[in-house]
């Protein structure tokens, strides 16, 4: 089960990073954009590290409050949930 979770985290973060890069490319080329809600949902379902990397690497969404505050908050919440879960497992 741990391998599945680790695989999921890697895949969702890579996908989120690529989506940030793709959206930045689309912004520069006046193409149809990826909705902000989609980028935030990807962050919320486990891709927050990929989102932060994408923001930094592509200089994308760095001036939008919901991203420069929201994505780190999502990451902190995910860390808190994982920590709680791991503490519960080890308490058994």
PDB file of N, CA and C in Angstrom:
ATOM      1  N   UNK A   1       0.816  -1.197   0.000  1.00  0.00           N
ATOM      2  CA  UNK A   1       0.000   0.000   0.000  1.00  0.00           C
ATOM      3  C   UNK A   1       0.861   1.263   0.000  1.00  0.00           C
ATOM      4  N   UNK A   2       1.982   1.219   0.722  1.00  0.00           N
ATOM      5  CA  UNK A   2       2.862   2.384   0.782  1.00  0.00           C
ATOM      6  C   UNK A   2       3.416   2.733  -0.598  1.00  0.00           C
ATOM      7  N   UNK A   3       3.746   1.700  -1.394  1.00  0.00           N
ATOM      8  CA  UNK A   3       4.277   1.938  -2.740  1.00  0.00           C
ATOM      9  C   UNK A   3       3.238   2.626  -3.618  1.00  0.00           C
ATOM     10  N   UNK A   4       1.982   2.258  -3.461  1.00  0.00           N
ATOM     11  CA  UNK A   4       0.902   2.879  -4.232  1.00  0.00           C
ATOM     12  C   UNK A   4       0.771   4.347  -3.862  1.00  0.00           C
ATOM     13  N   UNK A   5       0.821   4.641  -2.571  1.00  0.00           N
ATOM     14  CA  UNK A   5       0.696   6.028  -2.110  1.00  0.00           C
ATOM     15  C   UNK A   5       1.874   6.860  -2.601  1.00  0.00           C
ATOM     16  N   UNK A   6       3.079   6.319  -2.476  1.00  0.00           N
ATOM     17  CA  UNK A   6       4.267   7.042  -2.938  1.00  0.00           C
ATOM     18  C   UNK A   6       4.198   7.265  -4.450  1.00  0.00           C
ATOM     19  N   UNK A   7       3.789   6.248  -5.197  1.00  0.00           N
ATOM     20  CA  UNK A   7       3.628   6.382  -6.642  1.00  0.00           C
ATOM     21  C   UNK A   7       2.608   7.447  -7.002  1.00  0.00           C
ATOM     22  N   UNK A   8       1.488   7.463  -6.275  1.00  0.00           N
ATOM     23  CA  UNK A   8       0.452   8.471  -6.512  1.00  0.00           C
ATOM     24  C   UNK A   8       1.003   9.875  -6.269  1.00  0.00           C
ATOM     25  N   UNK A   9       1.710  10.053  -5.153  1.00  0.00           N
ATOM     26  CA  UNK A   9       2.251  11.370  -4.811  1.00  0.00           C
ATOM     27  C   UNK A   9       3.225  11.845  -5.890  1.00  0.00           C
ATOM     28  N   UNK A  10       4.074  10.952  -6.363  1.00  0.00           N
ATOM     29  CA  UNK A  10       5.024  11.318  -7.419  1.00  0.00           C
ATOM     30  C   UNK A  10       4.287  11.707  -8.693  1.00  0.00           C
ATOM     31  N   UNK A  11       3.326  10.907  -9.099  1.00  0.00           N
ATOM     32  CA  UNK A  11       2.591  11.168 -10.348  1.00  0.00           C
ATOM     33  C   UNK A  11       1.786  12.452 -10.268  1.00  0.00           C
ATOM     34  N   UNK A  12       1.057  12.670  -9.163  1.00  0.00           N
ATOM     35  CA  UNK A  12       0.215  13.872  -9.058  1.00  0.00           C
ATOM     36  C   UNK A  12       1.074  15.128  -9.007  1.00  0.00           C
ATOM     37  N   UNK A  13       2.237  15.043  -8.367  1.00  0.00           N
ATOM     38  CA  UNK A  13       3.109  16.218  -8.310  1.00  0.00           C
ATOM     39  C   UNK A  13       3.743  16.512  -9.664  1.00  0.00           C
ATOM     40  N   UNK A  14       4.147  15.484 -10.393  1.00  0.00           N
ATOM     41  CA  UNK A  14       4.676  15.702 -11.742  1.00  0.00           C
ATOM     42  C   UNK A  14       3.599  16.263 -12.667  1.00  0.00           C
ATOM     43  N   UNK A  15       2.389  15.720 -12.557  1.00  0.00           N
ATOM     44  CA  UNK A  15       1.281  16.217 -13.385  1.00  0.00           C
ATOM     45  C   UNK A  15       0.974  17.673 -13.061  1.00  0.00           C
ATOM     46  N   UNK A  16       0.978  18.017 -11.783  1.00  0.00           N
ATOM     47  CA  UNK A  16       0.691  19.395 -11.378  1.00  0.00           C
ATOM     48  C   UNK A  16       1.786  20.338 -11.877  1.00  0.00           C
ATOM     49  N   UNK A  17       3.025  19.937 -11.744  1.00  0.00           N
ATOM     50  CA  UNK A  17       4.141  20.734 -12.246  1.00  0.00           C
ATOM     51  C   UNK A  17       4.000  20.968 -13.750  1.00  0.00           C
ATOM     52  N   UNK A  18       3.689  19.916 -14.487  1.00  0.00           N
ATOM     53  CA  UNK A  18       3.519  20.041 -15.937  1.00  0.00           C
ATOM     54  C   UNK A  18       2.336  20.930 -16.299  1.00  0.00           C
ATOM     55  N   UNK A  19       1.263  20.861 -15.515  1.00  0.00           N
ATOM     56  CA  UNK A  19       0.091  21.708 -15.782  1.00  0.00           C
ATOM     57  C   UNK A  19       0.423  23.182 -15.563  1.00  0.00           C
ATOM     58  N   UNK A  20       1.216  23.488 -14.542  1.00  0.00           N
ATOM     59  CA  UNK A  20       1.638  24.873 -14.327  1.00  0.00           C
ATOM     60  C   UNK A  20       2.492  25.341 -15.494  1.00  0.00           C
ATOM     61  N   UNK A  21       3.398  24.491 -15.954  1.00  0.00           N
ATOM     62  CA  UNK A  21       4.230  24.841 -17.095  1.00  0.00           C
ATOM     63  C   UNK A  21       3.413  25.027 -18.363  1.00  0.00           C
ATOM     64  N   UNK A  22       2.466  24.136 -18.587  1.00  0.00           N
ATOM     65  CA  UNK A  22       1.612  24.238 -19.763  1.00  0.00           C
ATOM     66  C   UNK A  22       0.763  25.501 -19.721  1.00  0.00           C
ATOM     67  N   UNK A  23       0.221  25.816 -18.558  1.00  0.00           N
ATOM     68  CA  UNK A  23      -0.602  27.023 -18.438  1.00  0.00           C
ATOM     69  C   UNK A  23       0.240  28.276 -18.664  1.00  0.00           C
ATOM     70  N   UNK A  24       1.465  28.287 -18.189  1.00  0.00           N
ATOM     71  CA  UNK A  24       2.355  29.424 -18.432  1.00  0.00           C
ATOM     72  C   UNK A  24       2.635  29.566 -19.929  1.00  0.00           C
ATOM     73  N   UNK A  25       2.889  28.441 -20.596  1.00  0.00           N
ATOM     74  CA  UNK A  25       3.128  28.472 -22.044  1.00  0.00           C
ATOM     75  C   UNK A  25       1.896  29.015 -22.773  1.00  0.00           C
ATOM     76  N   UNK A  26       0.716  28.537 -22.364  1.00  0.00           N
ATOM     77  CA  UNK A  26      -0.521  29.002 -22.989  1.00  0.00           C
ATOM     78  C   UNK A  26      -0.732  30.485 -22.750  1.00  0.00           C
ATOM     79  N   UNK A  27      -0.376  30.969 -21.573  1.00  0.00           N
ATOM     80  CA  UNK A  27      -0.521  32.398 -21.275  1.00  0.00           C
ATOM     81  C   UNK A  27       0.364  33.233 -22.195  1.00  0.00           C
ATOM     82  N   UNK A  28       1.572  32.765 -22.442  1.00  0.00           N
ATOM     83  CA  UNK A  28       2.497  33.500 -23.306  1.00  0.00           C
ATOM     84  C   UNK A  28       2.083  33.474 -24.770  1.00  0.00           C
ATOM     85  N   UNK A  29       1.339  32.441 -25.172  1.00  0.00           N
ATOM     86  CA  UNK A  29       0.963  32.274 -26.571  1.00  0.00           C
ATOM     87  C   UNK A  29      -0.521  32.561 -26.835  1.00  0.00           C
ATOM     88  N   UNK A  30      -1.163  33.219 -25.907  1.00  0.00           N
ATOM     89  CA  UNK A  30      -2.584  33.595 -26.044  1.00  0.00           C
ATOM     90  C   UNK A  30      -3.472  32.426 -26.439  1.00  0.00           C
ATOM     91  N   UNK A  31      -3.281  31.305 -25.775  1.00  0.00           N
ATOM     92  CA  UNK A  31      -4.079  30.099 -26.012  1.00  0.00           C
ATOM     93  C   UNK A  31      -5.094  29.938 -24.891  1.00  0.00           C
ATOM     94  N   UNK A  32      -6.018  28.982 -25.094  1.00  0.00           N
ATOM     95  CA  UNK A  32      -6.993  28.655 -24.062  1.00  0.00           C
ATOM     96  C   UNK A  32      -6.251  28.235 -22.808  1.00  0.00           C
ATOM     97  N   UNK A  33      -6.653  28.804 -21.665  1.00  0.00           N
ATOM     98  CA  UNK A  33      -5.932  28.595 -20.402  1.00  0.00           C
ATOM     99  C   UNK A  33      -6.557  27.492 -19.559  1.00  0.00           C
ATOM    100  N   UNK A  34      -5.757  26.953 -18.679  1.00  0.00           N
ATOM    101  CA  UNK A  34      -6.216  25.974 -17.700  1.00  0.00           C
ATOM    102  C   UNK A  34      -6.865  26.765 -16.566  1.00  0.00           C
ATOM    103  N   UNK A  35      -8.089  26.428 -16.182  1.00  0.00           N
ATOM    104  CA  UNK A  35      -8.756  27.189 -15.116  1.00  0.00           C
ATOM    105  C   UNK A  35      -7.951  27.140 -13.806  1.00  0.00           C
ATOM    106  N   UNK A  36      -7.963  28.278 -13.103  1.00  0.00           N
ATOM    107  CA  UNK A  36      -7.268  28.343 -11.814  1.00  0.00           C
ATOM    108  C   UNK A  36      -7.793  27.284 -10.855  1.00  0.00           C
ATOM    109  N   UNK A  37      -9.096  27.029 -10.909  1.00  0.00           N
ATOM    110  CA  UNK A  37      -9.692  26.010 -10.027  1.00  0.00           C
ATOM    111  C   UNK A  37      -9.052  24.651 -10.265  1.00  0.00           C
ATOM    112  N   UNK A  38      -8.753  24.327 -11.507  1.00  0.00           N
ATOM    113  CA  UNK A  38      -8.116  23.045 -11.832  1.00  0.00           C
ATOM    114  C   UNK A  38      -6.725  22.972 -11.207  1.00  0.00           C
ATOM    115  N   UNK A  39      -5.970  24.050 -11.310  1.00  0.00           N
ATOM    116  CA  UNK A  39      -4.627  24.074 -10.730  1.00  0.00           C
ATOM    117  C   UNK A  39      -4.695  23.942  -9.209  1.00  0.00           C
ATOM    118  N   UNK A  40      -5.657  24.597  -8.587  1.00  0.00           N
ATOM    119  CA  UNK A  40      -5.799  24.503  -7.131  1.00  0.00           C
ATOM    120  C   UNK A  40      -6.283  23.118  -6.704  1.00  0.00           C
ATOM    121  N   UNK A  41      -7.168  22.520  -7.481  1.00  0.00           N
ATOM    122  CA  UNK A  41      -7.651  21.167  -7.161  1.00  0.00           C
ATOM    123  C   UNK A  41      -6.501  20.166  -7.249  1.00  0.00           C
ATOM    124  N   UNK A  42      -5.680  20.297  -8.280  1.00  0.00           N
ATOM    125  CA  UNK A  42      -4.512  19.420  -8.399  1.00  0.00           C
ATOM    126  C   UNK A  42      -3.599  19.569  -7.175  1.00  0.00           C
ATOM    127  N   UNK A  43      -3.463  20.789  -6.709  1.00  0.00           N
ATOM    128  CA  UNK A  43      -2.667  21.023  -5.497  1.00  0.00           C
ATOM    129  C   UNK A  43      -3.307  20.336  -4.299  1.00  0.00           C
ATOM    130  N   UNK A  44      -4.609  20.453  -4.177  1.00  0.00           N
ATOM    131  CA  UNK A  44      -5.334  19.928  -3.016  1.00  0.00           C
ATOM    132  C   UNK A  44      -5.362  18.407  -2.975  1.00  0.00           C
ATOM    133  N   UNK A  45      -5.317  17.760  -4.122  1.00  0.00           N
ATOM    134  CA  UNK A  45      -5.384  16.287  -4.133  1.00  0.00           C
ATOM    135  C   UNK A  45      -4.000  15.646  -4.064  1.00  0.00           C
ATOM    136  N   UNK A  46      -3.010  16.433  -3.646  1.00  0.00           N
ATOM    137  CA  UNK A  46      -1.692  15.873  -3.418  1.00  0.00           C
ATOM    138  C   UNK A  46      -0.570  16.509  -4.207  1.00  0.00           C
ATOM    139  N   UNK A  47      -0.886  17.448  -5.087  1.00  0.00           N
ATOM    140  CA  UNK A  47       0.136  18.036  -5.945  1.00  0.00           C
ATOM    141  C   UNK A  47       0.687  19.369  -5.483  1.00  0.00           C
ATOM    142  N   UNK A  48       0.623  19.632  -4.196  1.00  0.00           N
ATOM    143  CA  UNK A  48       1.048  20.947  -3.698  1.00  0.00           C
ATOM    144  C   UNK A  48       2.554  21.187  -3.881  1.00  0.00           C
ATOM    145  N   UNK A  49       3.358  20.154  -3.754  1.00  0.00           N
ATOM    146  CA  UNK A  49       4.803  20.329  -3.965  1.00  0.00           C
ATOM    147  C   UNK A  49       5.069  20.633  -5.444  1.00  0.00           C
ATOM    148  N   UNK A  50       4.387  19.932  -6.332  1.00  0.00           N
ATOM    149  CA  UNK A  50       4.513  20.210  -7.760  1.00  0.00           C
ATOM    150  C   UNK A  50       4.040  21.610  -8.109  1.00  0.00           C
ATOM    151  N   UNK A  51       2.982  22.058  -7.441  1.00  0.00           N
ATOM    152  CA  UNK A  51       2.471  23.412  -7.674  1.00  0.00           C
ATOM    153  C   UNK A  51       3.489  24.453  -7.233  1.00  0.00           C
ATOM    154  N   UNK A  52       4.051  24.276  -6.048  1.00  0.00           N
ATOM    155  CA  UNK A  52       5.060  25.227  -5.564  1.00  0.00           C
ATOM    156  C   UNK A  52       6.277  25.244  -6.473  1.00  0.00           C
ATOM    157  N   UNK A  53       6.702  24.064  -6.921  1.00  0.00           N
ATOM    158  CA  UNK A  53       7.840  23.991  -7.848  1.00  0.00           C
ATOM    159  C   UNK A  53       7.500  24.671  -9.165  1.00  0.00           C
ATOM    160  N   UNK A  54       6.281  24.459  -9.658  1.00  0.00           N
ATOM    161  CA  UNK A  54       5.847  25.082 -10.900  1.00  0.00           C
ATOM    162  C   UNK A  54       5.771  26.596 -10.784  1.00  0.00           C
ATOM    163  N   UNK A  55       5.292  27.066  -9.649  1.00  0.00           N
ATOM    164  CA  UNK A  55       5.224  28.509  -9.430  1.00  0.00           C
ATOM    165  C   UNK A  55       6.623  29.108  -9.457  1.00  0.00           C
ATOM    166  N   UNK A  56       7.553  28.441  -8.820  1.00  0.00           N
ATOM    167  CA  UNK A  56       8.930  28.938  -8.737  1.00  0.00           C
ATOM    168  C   UNK A  56       9.651  28.791 -10.085  1.00  0.00           C
ATOM    169  N   UNK A  57       9.560  27.605 -10.678  1.00  0.00           N
ATOM    170  CA  UNK A  57      10.287  27.308 -11.912  1.00  0.00           C
ATOM    171  C   UNK A  57       9.794  28.134 -13.101  1.00  0.00           C
ATOM    172  N   UNK A  58       8.480  28.253 -13.224  1.00  0.00           N
ATOM    173  CA  UNK A  58       7.895  28.944 -14.378  1.00  0.00           C
ATOM    174  C   UNK A  58       7.502  30.389 -14.067  1.00  0.00           C
ATOM    175  N   UNK A  59       7.711  30.832 -12.828  1.00  0.00           N
ATOM    176  CA  UNK A  59       7.294  32.174 -12.396  1.00  0.00           C
ATOM    177  C   UNK A  59       5.825  32.394 -12.760  1.00  0.00           C
ATOM    178  N   UNK A  60       5.006  31.445 -12.356  1.00  0.00           N
ATOM    179  CA  UNK A  60       3.605  31.435 -12.751  1.00  0.00           C
ATOM    180  C   UNK A  60       2.697  31.475 -11.530  1.00  0.00           C
ATOM    181  N   UNK A  61       1.713  32.333 -11.563  1.00  0.00           N
ATOM    182  CA  UNK A  61       0.712  32.510 -10.506  1.00  0.00           C
ATOM    183  C   UNK A  61       1.333  33.013  -9.204  1.00  0.00           C
ATOM    184  N   UNK A  62       2.489  33.640  -9.285  1.00  0.00           N
ATOM    185  CA  UNK A  62       3.181  34.082  -8.081  1.00  0.00           C
ATOM    186  C   UNK A  62       2.613  35.376  -7.502  1.00  0.00           C
ATOM    187  N   UNK A  63       1.786  36.081  -8.254  1.00  0.00           N
ATOM    188  CA  UNK A  63       1.193  37.326  -7.760  1.00  0.00           C
ATOM    189  C   UNK A  63      -0.271  37.154  -7.380  1.00  0.00           C
ATOM    190  N   UNK A  64      -0.777  35.946  -7.513  1.00  0.00           N
ATOM    191  CA  UNK A  64      -2.171  35.653  -7.171  1.00  0.00           C
ATOM    192  C   UNK A  64      -2.229  35.159  -5.728  1.00  0.00           C
ATOM    193  N   UNK A  65      -2.937  35.909  -4.897  1.00  0.00           N
ATOM    194  CA  UNK A  65      -2.988  35.600  -3.466  1.00  0.00           C
ATOM    195  C   UNK A  65      -3.442  34.170  -3.201  1.00  0.00           C
ATOM    196  N   UNK A  66      -4.437  33.707  -3.966  1.00  0.00           N
ATOM    197  CA  UNK A  66      -4.937  32.348  -3.729  1.00  0.00           C
ATOM    198  C   UNK A  66      -3.895  31.285  -4.024  1.00  0.00           C
ATOM    199  N   UNK A  67      -2.863  31.642  -4.772  1.00  0.00           N
ATOM    200  CA  UNK A  67      -1.784  30.699  -5.057  1.00  0.00           C
ATOM    201  C   UNK A  67      -0.598  30.886  -4.109  1.00  0.00           C
ATOM    202  N   UNK A  68      -0.113  32.127  -3.960  1.00  0.00           N
ATOM    203  CA  UNK A  68       1.084  32.292  -3.125  1.00  0.00           C
ATOM    204  C   UNK A  68       0.791  32.113  -1.640  1.00  0.00           C
ATOM    205  N   UNK A  69      -0.474  32.171  -1.254  1.00  0.00           N
ATOM    206  CA  UNK A  69      -0.856  31.840   0.123  1.00  0.00           C
ATOM    207  C   UNK A  69      -1.527  30.469   0.164  1.00  0.00           C
ATOM    208  N   UNK A  70      -2.434  30.234  -0.767  1.00  0.00           N
ATOM    209  CA  UNK A  70      -3.235  29.012  -0.757  1.00  0.00           C
ATOM    210  C   UNK A  70      -2.453  27.724  -0.915  1.00  0.00           C
ATOM    211  N   UNK A  71      -1.521  27.694  -1.843  1.00  0.00           N
ATOM    212  CA  UNK A  71      -0.774  26.460  -2.086  1.00  0.00           C
ATOM    213  C   UNK A  71       0.107  26.084  -0.878  1.00  0.00           C
ATOM    214  N   UNK A  72       0.840  27.025  -0.279  1.00  0.00           N
ATOM    215  CA  UNK A  72       1.586  26.648   0.932  1.00  0.00           C
ATOM    216  C   UNK A  72       0.672  26.196   2.083  1.00  0.00           C
ATOM    217  N   UNK A  73      -0.501  26.806   2.204  1.00  0.00           N
ATOM    218  CA  UNK A  73      -1.448  26.380   3.246  1.00  0.00           C
ATOM    219  C   UNK A  73      -1.919  24.956   2.972  1.00  0.00           C
ATOM    220  N   UNK A  74      -2.207  24.663   1.714  1.00  0.00           N
ATOM    221  CA  UNK A  74      -2.610  23.299   1.341  1.00  0.00           C
ATOM    222  C   UNK A  74      -1.499  22.318   1.699  1.00  0.00           C
ATOM    223  N   UNK A  75      -0.255  22.669   1.385  1.00  0.00           N
ATOM    224  CA  UNK A  75       0.882  21.793   1.703  1.00  0.00           C
ATOM    225  C   UNK A  75       0.989  21.571   3.211  1.00  0.00           C
ATOM    226  N   UNK A  76       0.853  22.621   3.994  1.00  0.00           N
ATOM    227  CA  UNK A  76       0.922  22.479   5.456  1.00  0.00           C
ATOM    228  C   UNK A  76      -0.197  21.583   5.978  1.00  0.00           C
ATOM    229  N   UNK A  77      -1.393  21.722   5.422  1.00  0.00           N
ATOM    230  CA  UNK A  77      -2.498  20.850   5.821  1.00  0.00           C
ATOM    231  C   UNK A  77      -2.213  19.398   5.457  1.00  0.00           C
ATOM    232  N   UNK A  78      -1.650  19.176   4.288  1.00  0.00           N
ATOM    233  CA  UNK A  78      -1.312  17.818   3.871  1.00  0.00           C
ATOM    234  C   UNK A  78      -0.246  17.221   4.788  1.00  0.00           C
ATOM    235  N   UNK A  79       0.749  18.016   5.153  1.00  0.00           N
ATOM    236  CA  UNK A  79       1.776  17.544   6.077  1.00  0.00           C
ATOM    237  C   UNK A  79       1.159  17.200   7.429  1.00  0.00           C
ATOM    238  N   UNK A  80       0.235  18.039   7.896  1.00  0.00           N
ATOM    239  CA  UNK A  80      -0.424  17.787   9.182  1.00  0.00           C
ATOM    240  C   UNK A  80      -1.223  16.487   9.147  1.00  0.00           C
ATOM    241  N   UNK A  81      -1.954  16.251   8.065  1.00  0.00           N
ATOM    242  CA  UNK A  81      -2.758  15.033   7.945  1.00  0.00           C
ATOM    243  C   UNK A  81      -1.851  13.802   7.892  1.00  0.00           C
ATOM    244  N   UNK A  82      -0.785  13.875   7.117  1.00  0.00           N
ATOM    245  CA  UNK A  82       0.137  12.738   7.013  1.00  0.00           C
ATOM    246  C   UNK A  82       0.801  12.467   8.364  1.00  0.00           C
ATOM    247  N   UNK A  83       1.211  13.525   9.048  1.00  0.00           N
ATOM    248  CA  UNK A  83       1.833  13.371  10.363  1.00  0.00           C
ATOM    249  C   UNK A  83       0.869  12.718  11.343  1.00  0.00           C
ATOM    250  N   UNK A  84      -0.363  13.195  11.359  1.00  0.00           N
ATOM    251  CA  UNK A  84      -1.376  12.621  12.242  1.00  0.00           C
ATOM    252  C   UNK A  84      -1.581  11.140  11.933  1.00  0.00           C
ATOM    253  N   UNK A  85      -1.693  10.833  10.654  1.00  0.00           N
ATOM    254  CA  UNK A  85      -1.899   9.451  10.221  1.00  0.00           C
ATOM    255  C   UNK A  85      -0.729   8.569  10.667  1.00  0.00           C
ATOM    256  N   UNK A  86       0.491   9.030  10.454  1.00  0.00           N
ATOM    257  CA  UNK A  86       1.667   8.244  10.835  1.00  0.00           C
ATOM    258  C   UNK A  86       1.746   8.063  12.341  1.00  0.00           C
ATOM    259  N   UNK A  87       1.396   9.096  13.094  1.00  0.00           N
ATOM    260  CA  UNK A  87       1.392   8.978  14.556  1.00  0.00           C
ATOM    261  C   UNK A  87       0.350   7.957  15.023  1.00  0.00           C
ATOM    262  N   UNK A  88      -0.795   7.912  14.355  1.00  0.00           N
ATOM    263  CA  UNK A  88      -1.837   6.953  14.702  1.00  0.00           C
ATOM    264  C   UNK A  88      -1.385   5.538  14.414  1.00  0.00           C
ATOM    265  N   UNK A  89      -0.701   5.342  13.311  1.00  0.00           N
ATOM    266  CA  UNK A  89      -0.209   4.010  12.958  1.00  0.00           C
ATOM    267  C   UNK A  89       0.806   3.515  13.990  1.00  0.00           C
ATOM    268  N   UNK A  90       1.723   4.397  14.356  1.00  0.00           N
ATOM    269  CA  UNK A  90       2.770   4.003  15.304  1.00  0.00           C
ATOM    270  C   UNK A  90       2.249   3.882  16.735  1.00  0.00           C
ATOM    271  N   UNK A  91       1.102   4.487  17.015  1.00  0.00           N
ATOM    272  CA  UNK A  91       0.516   4.382  18.358  1.00  0.00           C
ATOM    273  C   UNK A  91      -0.134   3.019  18.559  1.00  0.00           C
ATOM    274  N   UNK A  92      -0.464   2.358  17.467  1.00  0.00           N
ATOM    275  CA  UNK A  92      -1.131   1.049  17.572  1.00  0.00           C
ATOM    276  C   UNK A  92      -0.188   0.026  18.021  1.00  0.00           C
TER     277      UNK A  92
END
